[in-house]
Amino acid sequence: MRLAGNHGEPNRARKKLAPPGGGAILEILQPRSRLISARQPASMSAKVMRSNFSIREATEADVPLILHFVRELAAYEKLSHEVAATEDLLRQNLFSGRRSAEALMAYEGLDPVGFALFFHSFSTFVGKPGIYLEDLYISPKYRGRGYGKALMVHLARLAKARDCGRFEWSVLDWNAPSLDFYRSLGAVAMSDWTVQRLTGEALDALAACGLPNE
């Protein structure tokens, strides 16, 4: 997963498998509030309160904007060549039939400033679902105003409301500002774990292997 923008408690349960993504895996256990709201705590930047900042669930009409933010994020990470997503794929997997993930849109007044895309994981050790944050992105023009933190607070509240035991994401190991930001939230690096991934021909080859009863 990729995260970008100007963005404790010790780990009490270990993961058996790292979720998909890349880089060091971070975890927040037991976020405090159980409320789901775009209203920000008093400790947040005053700029957020004055600028009419809001968070809402994405709808199918947001697909072009979501893809735009994904491409901006990929460009920031110098990974544009890896983006295979299209509007049709996002529409199919986010808003049709069995939804694979959910998205939140962040606004300053009527202007879209960023988004977060997440899905549910599950921990057999904790015995509860978790929220895995695939992407968090704030456009450069709007960074430094607390919007990245606002999305993280909103997701933490959502995790509590859904009785999740974990809130996890990955971050590129060279992204020092983001790493510092996540440490300030109480996130802990899961340094004992590395992400393993099958894709493309390797995935095809494994899926084509025979089973003992075949």
N, C-alpha and C. Protein backbone atom coordinates (compact mmCIF):
# COMPACT_ATOMS: atom_id res chain seq x y z
N MET A 1 0.83 -1.18 0.00
CA MET A 1 0.00 0.00 0.00
C MET A 1 0.87 1.22 0.00
N ARG A 2 0.37 2.32 -0.55
CA ARG A 2 1.11 3.55 -0.63
C ARG A 2 0.40 4.65 0.13
N LEU A 3 1.16 5.46 0.83
CA LEU A 3 0.57 6.58 1.53
C LEU A 3 1.40 7.81 1.29
N ALA A 4 0.76 8.96 1.12
CA ALA A 4 1.50 10.20 0.90
C ALA A 4 0.74 11.36 1.49
N GLY A 5 1.48 12.37 1.93
CA GLY A 5 0.88 13.56 2.51
C GLY A 5 1.60 13.90 3.79
N ASN A 6 1.31 15.10 4.35
CA ASN A 6 1.90 15.44 5.63
C ASN A 6 1.04 14.83 6.72
N HIS A 7 1.43 14.00 7.05
CA HIS A 7 0.66 13.27 8.00
C HIS A 7 1.24 13.54 9.44
N GLY A 8 2.13 6.00 22.17
CA GLY A 8 1.67 4.75 21.77
C GLY A 8 1.65 3.70 22.84
N GLU A 9 1.00 3.05 21.78
CA GLU A 9 0.72 1.92 22.66
C GLU A 9 1.51 0.72 22.16
N PRO A 10 2.18 -0.11 23.06
CA PRO A 10 2.94 -1.25 22.59
C PRO A 10 2.05 -2.28 21.93
N ASN A 11 2.62 -3.03 21.00
CA ASN A 11 1.90 -4.06 20.28
C ASN A 11 1.58 -5.22 21.22
N ARG A 12 0.31 -5.60 21.32
CA ARG A 12 -0.07 -6.65 22.24
C ARG A 12 -0.39 -7.96 21.55
N ALA A 13 -0.44 -7.97 20.23
CA ALA A 13 -0.73 -9.22 19.51
C ALA A 13 0.03 -9.21 18.21
N ARG A 14 0.66 -10.33 17.85
CA ARG A 14 1.48 -10.41 16.66
C ARG A 14 0.66 -10.93 15.50
N LYS A 15 0.95 -10.41 14.29
CA LYS A 15 0.31 -10.91 13.09
C LYS A 15 0.89 -12.23 12.69
N LYS A 16 0.10 -13.10 12.10
CA LYS A 16 0.62 -14.32 11.51
C LYS A 16 1.10 -14.06 10.09
N LEU A 17 0.39 -13.24 9.32
CA LEU A 17 0.77 -12.93 7.96
C LEU A 17 0.64 -11.43 7.75
N ALA A 18 1.62 -10.84 7.09
CA ALA A 18 1.53 -9.43 6.78
C ALA A 18 0.51 -9.21 5.68
N PRO A 19 -0.28 -8.13 5.74
CA PRO A 19 -1.25 -7.85 4.68
C PRO A 19 -0.55 -7.42 3.41
N PRO A 20 -1.26 -7.43 2.25
CA PRO A 20 -0.63 -7.06 1.00
C PRO A 20 -0.17 -5.62 1.01
N GLY A 21 0.86 -5.31 0.23
CA GLY A 21 1.38 -3.96 0.15
C GLY A 21 2.88 -3.98 0.06
N GLY A 22 3.54 -2.93 0.48
CA GLY A 22 4.98 -2.89 0.41
C GLY A 22 5.55 -2.08 1.56
N GLY A 23 6.80 -2.32 1.92
CA GLY A 23 7.47 -1.56 2.95
C GLY A 23 7.15 -2.07 4.33
N ALA A 24 7.60 -1.30 5.34
CA ALA A 24 7.38 -1.68 6.72
C ALA A 24 5.91 -1.62 7.05
N ILE A 25 5.44 -2.55 7.85
CA ILE A 25 4.03 -2.61 8.22
C ILE A 25 3.86 -1.97 9.58
N LEU A 26 2.89 -1.08 9.67
CA LEU A 26 2.64 -0.36 10.89
C LEU A 26 1.28 -0.73 11.44
N GLU A 27 1.15 -0.63 12.75
CA GLU A 27 -0.09 -1.06 13.36
C GLU A 27 -0.48 -0.11 14.48
N ILE A 28 -1.78 0.22 14.56
CA ILE A 28 -2.32 0.93 15.71
C ILE A 28 -3.30 -0.01 16.39
N LEU A 29 -3.12 -0.23 17.68
CA LEU A 29 -4.04 -1.07 18.45
C LEU A 29 -4.90 -0.17 19.33
N GLN A 30 -6.19 -0.50 19.37
CA GLN A 30 -7.13 0.16 20.27
C GLN A 30 -7.21 1.67 20.09
N PRO A 31 -7.58 2.17 18.89
CA PRO A 31 -7.87 3.60 18.78
C PRO A 31 -8.99 3.96 19.75
N ARG A 32 -9.02 5.19 20.24
CA ARG A 32 -9.84 5.50 21.41
C ARG A 32 -11.33 5.69 21.13
N SER A 33 -11.68 6.53 20.16
CA SER A 33 -13.08 6.90 20.02
C SER A 33 -13.88 5.87 19.25
N ARG A 34 -15.14 5.67 19.60
CA ARG A 34 -16.01 4.75 18.90
C ARG A 34 -16.93 5.49 17.94
N LEU A 35 -16.84 6.81 17.88
CA LEU A 35 -17.73 7.58 17.04
C LEU A 35 -17.18 7.70 15.63
N ILE A 36 -18.09 7.75 14.65
CA ILE A 36 -17.71 7.99 13.26
C ILE A 36 -18.19 9.37 12.89
N SER A 37 -17.28 10.28 12.60
CA SER A 37 -17.66 11.64 12.32
C SER A 37 -16.55 12.35 11.57
N ALA A 38 -16.91 13.29 10.70
CA ALA A 38 -15.90 14.11 10.04
C ALA A 38 -15.49 15.28 10.93
N ARG A 39 -16.19 15.50 12.03
CA ARG A 39 -15.82 16.59 12.93
C ARG A 39 -14.50 16.26 13.60
N GLN A 40 -13.58 17.21 13.67
CA GLN A 40 -12.23 16.95 14.15
C GLN A 40 -12.09 17.29 15.63
N PRO A 41 -11.21 16.58 16.35
CA PRO A 41 -10.95 16.90 17.74
C PRO A 41 -10.38 18.30 17.90
N ALA A 42 -10.53 18.87 19.07
CA ALA A 42 -10.07 20.23 19.31
C ALA A 42 -8.57 20.37 19.12
N SER A 43 -7.81 19.28 19.28
CA SER A 43 -6.36 19.34 19.18
C SER A 43 -5.87 19.47 17.75
N MET A 44 -6.74 19.32 16.75
CA MET A 44 -6.32 19.41 15.37
C MET A 44 -6.09 20.85 14.95
N SER A 45 -5.38 20.99 13.83
CA SER A 45 -5.05 22.31 13.31
C SER A 45 -6.30 23.17 13.17
N ALA A 46 -6.17 24.45 13.60
CA ALA A 46 -7.30 25.36 13.47
C ALA A 46 -7.65 25.59 12.01
N LYS A 47 -6.66 25.43 11.12
CA LYS A 47 -6.93 25.60 9.70
C LYS A 47 -8.02 24.65 9.23
N VAL A 48 -8.02 23.41 9.76
CA VAL A 48 -9.00 22.43 9.35
C VAL A 48 -10.39 22.92 9.72
N MET A 49 -10.56 23.44 10.92
CA MET A 49 -11.88 23.88 11.37
C MET A 49 -12.37 25.09 10.57
N ARG A 50 -11.46 26.01 10.22
CA ARG A 50 -11.86 27.23 9.52
C ARG A 50 -12.15 26.97 8.05
N SER A 51 -11.56 25.93 7.47
CA SER A 51 -11.64 25.74 6.02
C SER A 51 -12.82 24.87 5.59
N ASN A 52 -13.71 24.55 6.50
CA ASN A 52 -14.88 23.75 6.15
C ASN A 52 -14.47 22.39 5.59
N PHE A 53 -13.54 21.76 6.30
CA PHE A 53 -13.07 20.44 5.90
C PHE A 53 -14.15 19.39 6.19
N SER A 54 -14.27 18.40 5.29
CA SER A 54 -15.26 17.35 5.50
C SER A 54 -14.77 16.05 4.89
N ILE A 55 -15.30 14.95 5.40
CA ILE A 55 -15.01 13.61 4.91
C ILE A 55 -16.34 12.92 4.63
N ARG A 56 -16.44 12.27 3.49
CA ARG A 56 -17.66 11.52 3.18
C ARG A 56 -17.28 10.22 2.48
N GLU A 57 -18.22 9.27 2.51
CA GLU A 57 -18.01 8.02 1.80
C GLU A 57 -18.02 8.27 0.30
N ALA A 58 -17.16 7.56 -0.42
CA ALA A 58 -17.13 7.70 -1.88
C ALA A 58 -18.37 7.05 -2.49
N THR A 59 -18.78 7.58 -3.62
CA THR A 59 -19.86 7.00 -4.41
C THR A 59 -19.31 6.65 -5.79
N GLU A 60 -20.12 5.98 -6.58
CA GLU A 60 -19.68 5.58 -7.92
C GLU A 60 -19.29 6.79 -8.76
N ALA A 61 -19.92 7.92 -8.51
CA ALA A 61 -19.59 9.14 -9.26
C ALA A 61 -18.18 9.63 -8.99
N ASP A 62 -17.57 9.14 -7.90
CA ASP A 62 -16.22 9.57 -7.54
C ASP A 62 -15.13 8.76 -8.23
N VAL A 63 -15.49 7.76 -9.01
CA VAL A 63 -14.48 6.88 -9.62
C VAL A 63 -13.42 7.65 -10.40
N PRO A 64 -13.78 8.58 -11.29
CA PRO A 64 -12.73 9.33 -12.00
C PRO A 64 -11.79 10.07 -11.06
N LEU A 65 -12.33 10.64 -9.99
CA LEU A 65 -11.51 11.37 -9.03
C LEU A 65 -10.59 10.42 -8.26
N ILE A 66 -11.11 9.27 -7.87
CA ILE A 66 -10.28 8.28 -7.17
C ILE A 66 -9.11 7.88 -8.05
N LEU A 67 -9.38 7.59 -9.32
CA LEU A 67 -8.30 7.19 -10.23
C LEU A 67 -7.29 8.33 -10.41
N HIS A 68 -7.77 9.54 -10.46
CA HIS A 68 -6.88 10.71 -10.55
C HIS A 68 -5.94 10.76 -9.36
N PHE A 69 -6.48 10.57 -8.15
CA PHE A 69 -5.64 10.59 -6.96
C PHE A 69 -4.66 9.41 -6.95
N VAL A 70 -5.11 8.24 -7.39
CA VAL A 70 -4.22 7.08 -7.45
C VAL A 70 -3.03 7.37 -8.36
N ARG A 71 -3.30 7.98 -9.50
CA ARG A 71 -2.22 8.30 -10.44
C ARG A 71 -1.29 9.38 -9.88
N GLU A 72 -1.84 10.36 -9.15
CA GLU A 72 -0.99 11.36 -8.51
C GLU A 72 -0.09 10.70 -7.48
N LEU A 73 -0.64 9.79 -6.71
CA LEU A 73 0.13 9.09 -5.69
C LEU A 73 1.24 8.26 -6.33
N ALA A 74 0.92 7.55 -7.40
CA ALA A 74 1.91 6.73 -8.09
C ALA A 74 3.04 7.60 -8.64
N ALA A 75 2.71 8.77 -9.16
CA ALA A 75 3.73 9.67 -9.69
C ALA A 75 4.64 10.15 -8.56
N TYR A 76 4.06 10.45 -7.41
CA TYR A 76 4.85 10.88 -6.25
C TYR A 76 5.85 9.80 -5.85
N GLU A 77 5.45 8.55 -5.95
CA GLU A 77 6.30 7.42 -5.55
C GLU A 77 7.15 6.89 -6.71
N LYS A 78 7.07 7.57 -7.87
CA LYS A 78 7.82 7.13 -9.05
C LYS A 78 7.42 5.72 -9.47
N LEU A 79 6.12 5.43 -9.34
CA LEU A 79 5.60 4.10 -9.67
C LEU A 79 4.47 4.16 -10.69
N SER A 80 4.44 5.20 -11.48
CA SER A 80 3.35 5.36 -12.45
C SER A 80 3.28 4.18 -13.41
N HIS A 81 4.42 3.58 -13.70
CA HIS A 81 4.45 2.45 -14.63
C HIS A 81 3.74 1.21 -14.09
N GLU A 82 3.44 1.19 -12.78
CA GLU A 82 2.78 0.03 -12.18
C GLU A 82 1.27 0.17 -12.13
N VAL A 83 0.75 1.33 -12.47
CA VAL A 83 -0.70 1.56 -12.35
C VAL A 83 -1.41 0.93 -13.55
N ALA A 84 -2.18 -0.12 -13.26
CA ALA A 84 -2.99 -0.78 -14.29
C ALA A 84 -4.47 -0.52 -14.08
N ALA A 85 -4.81 0.16 -13.00
CA ALA A 85 -6.22 0.43 -12.68
C ALA A 85 -6.86 1.30 -13.75
N THR A 86 -8.14 1.04 -14.00
CA THR A 86 -8.95 1.85 -14.90
C THR A 86 -10.23 2.23 -14.18
N GLU A 87 -10.97 3.16 -14.74
CA GLU A 87 -12.25 3.52 -14.14
C GLU A 87 -13.19 2.31 -14.09
N ASP A 88 -13.20 1.52 -15.14
CA ASP A 88 -14.07 0.34 -15.17
C ASP A 88 -13.71 -0.64 -14.07
N LEU A 89 -12.41 -0.88 -13.85
CA LEU A 89 -11.99 -1.81 -12.81
C LEU A 89 -12.36 -1.28 -11.43
N LEU A 90 -12.14 0.00 -11.20
CA LEU A 90 -12.50 0.57 -9.90
C LEU A 90 -14.00 0.53 -9.68
N ARG A 91 -14.76 0.84 -10.70
CA ARG A 91 -16.22 0.81 -10.58
C ARG A 91 -16.70 -0.61 -10.26
N GLN A 92 -16.12 -1.58 -10.94
CA GLN A 92 -16.53 -2.98 -10.73
C GLN A 92 -16.20 -3.47 -9.33
N ASN A 93 -15.03 -3.11 -8.82
CA ASN A 93 -14.57 -3.66 -7.55
C ASN A 93 -14.92 -2.84 -6.33
N LEU A 94 -15.28 -1.59 -6.54
CA LEU A 94 -15.64 -0.74 -5.40
C LEU A 94 -17.14 -0.53 -5.25
N PHE A 95 -17.90 -0.67 -6.35
CA PHE A 95 -19.31 -0.29 -6.29
C PHE A 95 -20.27 -1.29 -6.93
N SER A 96 -19.79 -2.42 -7.38
CA SER A 96 -20.68 -3.41 -8.01
C SER A 96 -20.60 -4.74 -7.28
N GLY A 97 -21.77 -5.31 -6.98
CA GLY A 97 -21.80 -6.64 -6.37
C GLY A 97 -21.06 -6.67 -5.05
N ARG A 98 -20.17 -7.64 -4.92
CA ARG A 98 -19.38 -7.79 -3.70
C ARG A 98 -18.25 -6.77 -3.70
N ARG A 99 -18.35 -5.77 -2.86
CA ARG A 99 -17.37 -4.69 -2.83
C ARG A 99 -16.07 -5.18 -2.20
N SER A 100 -14.97 -4.97 -2.91
CA SER A 100 -13.67 -5.43 -2.43
C SER A 100 -13.01 -4.44 -1.48
N ALA A 101 -13.42 -3.18 -1.55
CA ALA A 101 -12.82 -2.16 -0.71
C ALA A 101 -13.78 -0.99 -0.60
N GLU A 102 -13.45 -0.06 0.29
CA GLU A 102 -14.24 1.14 0.50
C GLU A 102 -13.33 2.35 0.36
N ALA A 103 -13.91 3.50 0.09
CA ALA A 103 -13.12 4.72 -0.07
C ALA A 103 -13.78 5.89 0.64
N LEU A 104 -12.96 6.79 1.11
CA LEU A 104 -13.40 8.04 1.72
C LEU A 104 -12.84 9.20 0.91
N MET A 105 -13.64 10.24 0.73
CA MET A 105 -13.21 11.42 0.01
C MET A 105 -13.11 12.59 0.99
N ALA A 106 -12.02 13.35 0.89
CA ALA A 106 -11.80 14.50 1.76
C ALA A 106 -11.96 15.78 0.96
N TYR A 107 -12.62 16.75 1.56
CA TYR A 107 -12.92 18.01 0.87
C TYR A 107 -12.57 19.21 1.74
N GLU A 108 -12.11 20.27 1.09
CA GLU A 108 -12.01 21.59 1.70
C GLU A 108 -13.05 22.45 1.01
N GLY A 109 -14.13 22.70 1.69
CA GLY A 109 -15.26 23.34 1.03
C GLY A 109 -15.78 22.41 -0.06
N LEU A 110 -15.82 22.89 -1.29
CA LEU A 110 -16.26 22.08 -2.42
C LEU A 110 -15.10 21.46 -3.18
N ASP A 111 -13.87 21.70 -2.74
CA ASP A 111 -12.69 21.23 -3.45
C ASP A 111 -12.21 19.88 -2.91
N PRO A 112 -12.08 18.85 -3.76
CA PRO A 112 -11.53 17.57 -3.29
C PRO A 112 -10.05 17.71 -3.00
N VAL A 113 -9.63 17.24 -1.83
CA VAL A 113 -8.22 17.41 -1.43
C VAL A 113 -7.48 16.09 -1.30
N GLY A 114 -8.19 14.97 -1.20
CA GLY A 114 -7.51 13.69 -1.05
C GLY A 114 -8.51 12.57 -0.82
N PHE A 115 -7.97 11.38 -0.56
CA PHE A 115 -8.83 10.23 -0.35
C PHE A 115 -8.11 9.18 0.48
N ALA A 116 -8.88 8.23 0.95
CA ALA A 116 -8.35 7.04 1.62
C ALA A 116 -9.12 5.84 1.09
N LEU A 117 -8.41 4.75 0.83
CA LEU A 117 -9.03 3.52 0.36
C LEU A 117 -8.61 2.39 1.27
N PHE A 118 -9.59 1.60 1.75
CA PHE A 118 -9.31 0.59 2.76
C PHE A 118 -10.20 -0.63 2.57
N PHE A 119 -9.84 -1.72 3.24
CA PHE A 119 -10.66 -2.93 3.22
C PHE A 119 -10.44 -3.68 4.53
N HIS A 120 -11.25 -4.70 4.77
CA HIS A 120 -11.14 -5.45 6.01
C HIS A 120 -10.21 -6.64 5.86
N SER A 121 -9.35 -6.78 6.84
CA SER A 121 -8.51 -7.97 7.00
C SER A 121 -9.07 -8.77 8.17
N PHE A 122 -8.36 -9.84 8.56
CA PHE A 122 -8.80 -10.61 9.72
C PHE A 122 -7.58 -11.19 10.42
N SER A 123 -7.54 -11.10 11.74
CA SER A 123 -6.46 -11.67 12.53
C SER A 123 -6.98 -12.90 13.29
N THR A 124 -6.39 -14.05 13.02
CA THR A 124 -6.77 -15.25 13.77
C THR A 124 -6.25 -15.18 15.20
N PHE A 125 -5.17 -14.46 15.43
CA PHE A 125 -4.63 -14.32 16.79
C PHE A 125 -5.55 -13.46 17.65
N VAL A 126 -6.03 -12.35 17.08
CA VAL A 126 -6.92 -11.46 17.83
C VAL A 126 -8.35 -11.97 17.79
N GLY A 127 -8.69 -12.69 16.72
CA GLY A 127 -10.05 -13.21 16.58
C GLY A 127 -11.04 -12.15 16.13
N LYS A 128 -10.52 -11.09 15.50
CA LYS A 128 -11.38 -10.00 15.07
C LYS A 128 -10.93 -9.51 13.69
N PRO A 129 -11.82 -8.80 13.00
CA PRO A 129 -11.41 -8.17 11.75
C PRO A 129 -10.52 -6.97 12.05
N GLY A 130 -9.86 -6.49 11.02
CA GLY A 130 -9.08 -5.27 11.12
C GLY A 130 -9.37 -4.40 9.91
N ILE A 131 -8.89 -3.18 9.94
CA ILE A 131 -8.94 -2.32 8.77
C ILE A 131 -7.54 -2.22 8.20
N TYR A 132 -7.40 -2.52 6.92
CA TYR A 132 -6.13 -2.36 6.23
C TYR A 132 -6.26 -1.17 5.28
N LEU A 133 -5.42 -0.17 5.49
CA LEU A 133 -5.45 1.05 4.70
C LEU A 133 -4.53 0.88 3.49
N GLU A 134 -5.12 0.79 2.32
CA GLU A 134 -4.34 0.58 1.09
C GLU A 134 -3.71 1.88 0.60
N ASP A 135 -4.48 2.95 0.56
CA ASP A 135 -3.97 4.24 0.09
C ASP A 135 -4.48 5.37 0.96
N LEU A 136 -3.59 6.31 1.25
CA LEU A 136 -3.96 7.58 1.87
C LEU A 136 -3.21 8.66 1.10
N TYR A 137 -3.93 9.64 0.58
CA TYR A 137 -3.29 10.65 -0.26
C TYR A 137 -3.94 12.00 -0.07
N ILE A 138 -3.10 13.02 0.11
CA ILE A 138 -3.53 14.41 0.14
C ILE A 138 -2.77 15.15 -0.95
N SER A 139 -3.47 15.90 -1.80
CA SER A 139 -2.81 16.65 -2.86
C SER A 139 -1.82 17.64 -2.26
N PRO A 140 -0.67 17.82 -2.92
CA PRO A 140 0.39 18.69 -2.37
C PRO A 140 -0.09 20.08 -1.96
N LYS A 141 -1.00 20.66 -2.73
CA LYS A 141 -1.50 22.01 -2.44
C LYS A 141 -2.15 22.10 -1.06
N TYR A 142 -2.68 20.99 -0.57
CA TYR A 142 -3.47 21.01 0.66
C TYR A 142 -2.75 20.35 1.84
N ARG A 143 -1.49 20.03 1.68
CA ARG A 143 -0.76 19.39 2.78
C ARG A 143 -0.39 20.40 3.86
N GLY A 144 -0.10 19.91 5.05
CA GLY A 144 0.26 20.77 6.16
C GLY A 144 -0.92 21.38 6.87
N ARG A 145 -2.13 20.91 6.57
CA ARG A 145 -3.32 21.48 7.19
C ARG A 145 -4.04 20.48 8.12
N GLY A 146 -3.43 19.33 8.32
CA GLY A 146 -4.03 18.35 9.22
C GLY A 146 -5.00 17.40 8.56
N TYR A 147 -5.11 17.43 7.24
CA TYR A 147 -6.10 16.61 6.56
C TYR A 147 -5.72 15.12 6.56
N GLY A 148 -4.43 14.83 6.45
CA GLY A 148 -4.00 13.44 6.54
C GLY A 148 -4.35 12.84 7.89
N LYS A 149 -4.09 13.60 8.95
CA LYS A 149 -4.44 13.12 10.29
C LYS A 149 -5.94 12.99 10.46
N ALA A 150 -6.68 13.91 9.87
CA ALA A 150 -8.14 13.84 9.97
C ALA A 150 -8.66 12.54 9.37
N LEU A 151 -8.13 12.13 8.24
CA LEU A 151 -8.54 10.86 7.64
C LEU A 151 -8.16 9.69 8.53
N MET A 152 -6.98 9.74 9.15
CA MET A 152 -6.56 8.66 10.05
C MET A 152 -7.47 8.59 11.28
N VAL A 153 -7.84 9.74 11.82
CA VAL A 153 -8.76 9.75 12.97
C VAL A 153 -10.11 9.15 12.56
N HIS A 154 -10.61 9.55 11.41
CA HIS A 154 -11.89 9.02 10.93
C HIS A 154 -11.83 7.51 10.79
N LEU A 155 -10.73 7.00 10.23
CA LEU A 155 -10.60 5.55 10.06
C LEU A 155 -10.45 4.83 11.39
N ALA A 156 -9.74 5.43 12.34
CA ALA A 156 -9.62 4.83 13.66
C ALA A 156 -10.98 4.73 14.34
N ARG A 157 -11.80 5.75 14.19
CA ARG A 157 -13.15 5.72 14.76
C ARG A 157 -14.00 4.65 14.07
N LEU A 158 -13.83 4.54 12.76
CA LEU A 158 -14.55 3.51 12.02
C LEU A 158 -14.12 2.11 12.49
N ALA A 159 -12.83 1.94 12.72
CA ALA A 159 -12.33 0.65 13.23
C ALA A 159 -12.96 0.31 14.57
N LYS A 160 -13.07 1.28 15.45
CA LYS A 160 -13.69 1.04 16.75
C LYS A 160 -15.17 0.74 16.61
N ALA A 161 -15.86 1.48 15.75
CA ALA A 161 -17.29 1.27 15.56
C ALA A 161 -17.58 -0.12 15.00
N ARG A 162 -16.66 -0.67 14.21
CA ARG A 162 -16.83 -2.00 13.63
C ARG A 162 -16.18 -3.09 14.45
N ASP A 163 -15.75 -2.75 15.65
CA ASP A 163 -15.13 -3.71 16.57
C ASP A 163 -13.91 -4.39 15.95
N CYS A 164 -13.09 -3.60 15.31
CA CYS A 164 -11.84 -4.13 14.73
C CYS A 164 -10.74 -4.15 15.79
N GLY A 165 -9.87 -5.14 15.71
CA GLY A 165 -8.77 -5.24 16.65
C GLY A 165 -7.51 -4.54 16.18
N ARG A 166 -7.44 -4.23 14.89
CA ARG A 166 -6.23 -3.63 14.33
C ARG A 166 -6.56 -2.63 13.23
N PHE A 167 -5.66 -1.68 13.08
CA PHE A 167 -5.70 -0.71 11.99
C PHE A 167 -4.28 -0.69 11.43
N GLU A 168 -4.10 -1.17 10.21
CA GLU A 168 -2.77 -1.41 9.68
C GLU A 168 -2.60 -0.80 8.29
N TRP A 169 -1.35 -0.54 7.94
CA TRP A 169 -1.01 -0.05 6.61
C TRP A 169 0.48 -0.26 6.39
N SER A 170 0.92 -0.02 5.16
CA SER A 170 2.34 -0.10 4.83
C SER A 170 2.81 1.26 4.33
N VAL A 171 4.12 1.48 4.45
CA VAL A 171 4.70 2.75 4.01
C VAL A 171 6.09 2.47 3.46
N LEU A 172 6.46 3.19 2.41
CA LEU A 172 7.79 3.02 1.83
C LEU A 172 8.86 3.41 2.85
N ASP A 173 9.92 2.62 2.90
CA ASP A 173 10.92 2.83 3.95
C ASP A 173 11.72 4.12 3.78
N TRP A 174 11.67 4.75 2.59
CA TRP A 174 12.40 6.01 2.40
C TRP A 174 11.55 7.23 2.75
N ASN A 175 10.28 7.02 3.05
CA ASN A 175 9.37 8.14 3.28
C ASN A 175 9.44 8.58 4.75
N ALA A 176 10.54 9.27 5.08
CA ALA A 176 10.79 9.65 6.48
C ALA A 176 9.71 10.55 7.06
N PRO A 177 9.19 11.55 6.34
CA PRO A 177 8.14 12.39 6.93
C PRO A 177 6.91 11.59 7.32
N SER A 178 6.51 10.64 6.46
CA SER A 178 5.34 9.82 6.79
C SER A 178 5.63 8.90 7.97
N LEU A 179 6.83 8.32 8.00
CA LEU A 179 7.19 7.45 9.13
C LEU A 179 7.15 8.23 10.44
N ASP A 180 7.67 9.45 10.44
CA ASP A 180 7.63 10.27 11.65
C ASP A 180 6.19 10.58 12.05
N PHE A 181 5.36 10.86 11.04
CA PHE A 181 3.95 11.16 11.31
C PHE A 181 3.26 9.97 11.96
N TYR A 182 3.48 8.76 11.44
CA TYR A 182 2.82 7.58 11.98
C TYR A 182 3.32 7.27 13.38
N ARG A 183 4.60 7.53 13.65
CA ARG A 183 5.10 7.35 15.01
C ARG A 183 4.38 8.30 15.97
N SER A 184 4.08 9.51 15.50
CA SER A 184 3.41 10.49 16.36
C SER A 184 1.99 10.04 16.69
N LEU A 185 1.41 9.15 15.85
CA LEU A 185 0.07 8.62 16.11
C LEU A 185 0.09 7.42 17.04
N GLY A 186 1.29 6.91 17.33
CA GLY A 186 1.40 5.71 18.16
C GLY A 186 1.57 4.44 17.37
N ALA A 187 1.79 4.54 16.06
CA ALA A 187 1.97 3.36 15.22
C ALA A 187 3.30 2.68 15.52
N VAL A 188 3.30 1.37 15.39
CA VAL A 188 4.48 0.55 15.68
C VAL A 188 4.90 -0.18 14.42
N ALA A 189 6.18 -0.12 14.08
CA ALA A 189 6.69 -0.82 12.90
C ALA A 189 6.75 -2.33 13.17
N MET A 190 6.17 -3.12 12.29
CA MET A 190 6.21 -4.58 12.42
C MET A 190 7.46 -5.09 11.71
N SER A 191 8.62 -4.81 12.28
CA SER A 191 9.89 -5.05 11.61
C SER A 191 10.23 -6.53 11.48
N ASP A 192 9.55 -7.39 12.21
CA ASP A 192 9.83 -8.83 12.12
C ASP A 192 9.14 -9.48 10.92
N TRP A 193 8.31 -8.72 10.21
CA TRP A 193 7.52 -9.27 9.11
C TRP A 193 7.92 -8.63 7.79
N THR A 194 7.89 -9.40 6.72
CA THR A 194 8.08 -8.87 5.38
C THR A 194 6.90 -9.31 4.51
N VAL A 195 6.53 -8.45 3.59
CA VAL A 195 5.40 -8.75 2.70
C VAL A 195 5.85 -9.72 1.61
N GLN A 196 5.05 -10.73 1.36
CA GLN A 196 5.29 -11.68 0.28
C GLN A 196 4.18 -11.50 -0.74
N ARG A 197 4.53 -11.53 -2.03
CA ARG A 197 3.54 -11.23 -3.06
C ARG A 197 3.69 -12.14 -4.26
N LEU A 198 2.57 -12.63 -4.75
CA LEU A 198 2.50 -13.33 -6.03
C LEU A 198 1.68 -12.48 -6.99
N THR A 199 2.21 -12.29 -8.19
CA THR A 199 1.47 -11.54 -9.19
C THR A 199 1.90 -12.00 -10.58
N GLY A 200 1.11 -11.65 -11.56
CA GLY A 200 1.48 -11.95 -12.94
C GLY A 200 1.70 -13.44 -13.19
N GLU A 201 2.81 -13.76 -13.87
CA GLU A 201 3.10 -15.14 -14.26
C GLU A 201 3.28 -16.06 -13.06
N ALA A 202 3.84 -15.54 -11.98
CA ALA A 202 4.04 -16.37 -10.79
C ALA A 202 2.70 -16.79 -10.19
N LEU A 203 1.75 -15.89 -10.17
CA LEU A 203 0.41 -16.21 -9.67
C LEU A 203 -0.27 -17.21 -10.59
N ASP A 204 -0.15 -17.00 -11.90
CA ASP A 204 -0.74 -17.93 -12.86
C ASP A 204 -0.17 -19.33 -12.71
N ALA A 205 1.16 -19.40 -12.51
CA ALA A 205 1.82 -20.70 -12.42
C ALA A 205 1.38 -21.46 -11.18
N LEU A 206 1.26 -20.77 -10.06
CA LEU A 206 0.85 -21.45 -8.83
C LEU A 206 -0.60 -21.91 -8.93
N ALA A 207 -1.46 -21.09 -9.49
CA ALA A 207 -2.88 -21.45 -9.65
C ALA A 207 -3.04 -22.65 -10.58
N ALA A 208 -2.09 -22.85 -11.48
CA ALA A 208 -2.18 -23.96 -12.44
C ALA A 208 -1.63 -25.27 -11.90
N CYS A 209 -1.04 -25.24 -10.72
CA CYS A 209 -0.49 -26.48 -10.13
C CYS A 209 -1.61 -27.43 -9.77
N GLY A 210 -1.32 -28.72 -9.91
CA GLY A 210 -2.32 -29.72 -9.55
C GLY A 210 -2.42 -29.92 -8.06
N LEU A 211 -3.60 -30.35 -7.58
CA LEU A 211 -3.83 -30.69 -6.19
C LEU A 211 -3.74 -32.19 -6.01
N PRO A 212 -3.51 -32.67 -4.79
CA PRO A 212 -3.36 -34.11 -4.57
C PRO A 212 -4.55 -34.95 -5.04
N ASN A 213 -5.75 -34.38 -4.99
CA ASN A 213 -6.94 -35.15 -5.38
C ASN A 213 -7.33 -34.93 -6.83
N GLU A 214 -6.47 -34.28 -7.60
CA GLU A 214 -6.78 -34.01 -9.00
C GLU A 214 -6.00 -34.97 -9.92
